[in-house]
Protein backbone atom coordinates (compact mmCIF):
# COMPACT_ATOMS: atom_id res chain seq x y z
CA MET A 1 14.84 39.90 -250.02
CA LYS A 2 17.18 41.64 -252.46
CA ILE A 3 18.49 39.90 -255.55
CA THR A 4 21.06 40.97 -258.13
CA VAL A 5 19.99 40.64 -261.73
CA GLN A 6 22.12 40.90 -264.86
CA VAL A 7 19.83 42.02 -267.68
CA LYS A 8 20.32 41.17 -271.35
CA PRO A 9 17.91 43.29 -273.42
CA LYS A 10 17.01 42.92 -277.11
CA LYS A 11 17.42 39.12 -277.19
CA LYS A 12 15.47 36.70 -279.37
CA LYS A 13 14.33 34.60 -276.39
CA ALA A 14 13.22 35.70 -272.91
CA TYR A 15 14.29 33.63 -269.91
CA VAL A 16 15.31 33.75 -266.25
CA GLU A 17 18.26 31.72 -264.99
CA LYS A 18 19.42 31.36 -261.41
CA VAL A 19 23.21 31.64 -261.31
CA GLU A 20 23.81 31.80 -257.56
CA ALA A 21 21.72 32.15 -254.39
CA ALA A 22 20.75 35.79 -254.98
CA TYR A 23 22.12 36.32 -258.50
CA TYR A 24 19.98 35.86 -261.62
CA LEU A 25 20.45 36.31 -265.35
CA VAL A 26 17.39 37.66 -267.16
CA SER A 27 17.09 37.94 -270.92
CA VAL A 28 14.24 40.01 -272.36
CA ILE A 29 13.07 40.78 -275.90
CA GLU A 30 12.33 44.47 -275.24
CA PRO A 31 14.98 47.15 -275.92
CA PRO A 32 16.42 49.30 -273.12
CA GLU A 33 14.37 52.36 -274.11
CA ASP A 34 11.86 54.29 -272.01
CA GLY A 35 11.94 51.68 -269.23
CA ARG A 36 10.57 48.94 -271.48
CA ALA A 37 13.32 46.45 -270.61
CA ASN A 38 12.95 47.16 -266.87
CA ALA A 39 9.20 46.53 -267.08
CA ALA A 40 9.84 43.30 -268.98
CA VAL A 41 12.35 42.15 -266.35
CA ILE A 42 9.85 42.81 -263.55
CA LYS A 43 7.19 40.88 -265.46
CA ALA A 44 9.63 37.99 -266.07
CA LEU A 45 10.71 37.86 -262.43
CA ALA A 46 7.08 37.96 -261.31
CA LYS A 47 6.26 35.00 -263.53
CA PHE A 48 9.40 33.15 -262.45
CA PHE A 49 8.71 33.60 -258.72
CA ALA A 50 4.91 33.29 -259.13
CA VAL A 51 4.17 36.65 -257.50
CA SER A 52 2.39 39.81 -258.61
CA PRO A 53 4.55 42.29 -260.58
CA SER A 54 3.53 44.97 -258.06
CA GLY A 55 5.38 42.99 -255.37
CA ILE A 56 8.73 43.38 -257.15
CA SER A 57 10.55 46.71 -257.10
CA LEU A 58 13.71 47.97 -258.77
CA VAL A 59 16.00 49.26 -256.02
CA SER A 60 19.02 50.36 -258.06
CA GLY A 61 20.49 50.18 -261.54
CA HIS A 62 17.63 51.80 -263.48
CA THR A 63 19.88 52.41 -266.50
CA ALA A 64 22.52 49.72 -265.89
CA LYS A 65 22.65 46.07 -266.95
CA MET A 66 23.34 45.03 -263.33
CA LYS A 67 20.27 45.77 -261.21
CA ILE A 68 19.09 45.12 -257.67
CA PHE A 69 15.48 44.09 -257.16
CA GLU A 70 13.47 43.70 -253.97
CA ILE A 71 11.21 40.66 -253.97
CA PRO A 72 8.75 39.50 -251.28
CA ASP A 73 10.38 38.02 -248.16
CA GLU A 74 8.22 34.90 -248.25
CA LEU A 75 10.37 33.73 -251.20
CA LYS A 76 13.54 33.39 -249.10
CA ASN A 77 13.26 29.60 -249.22
CA PHE A 78 12.17 29.49 -252.86
CA GLU A 79 13.78 26.48 -254.57
CA VAL A 80 14.53 26.72 -258.31
CA LEU A 81 14.62 23.46 -260.19
CA PRO A 82 16.91 23.30 -263.26
CA LYS A 83 13.97 22.95 -265.66
CA GLN A 84 12.24 26.05 -264.28
CA LYS A 85 14.68 28.47 -265.83
CA ASP A 86 13.07 28.74 -269.27
CA LEU A 87 9.42 29.68 -268.65
CA PHE A 88 8.88 31.84 -271.67
CA THR A 89 8.91 29.50 -274.66
């Protein structure tokens, strides 16, 4: 399943927020240098969806704030509860 992610690097607090069915907002602490922010987003999404980071791949948007990620198909029916959005505090 592909999801669209808007990334906000260099923030004070890391979080994942579901905006729409396949659209997420991800804030990470790492700067967008040398792929550090992308790696942090993959790690955050893996924690959010409770899957291994190796199961998540960046499809497009390597240097853009809007990215498309491929996540495992078994998560198609994954339900996000409102309180699940902030897992990193």
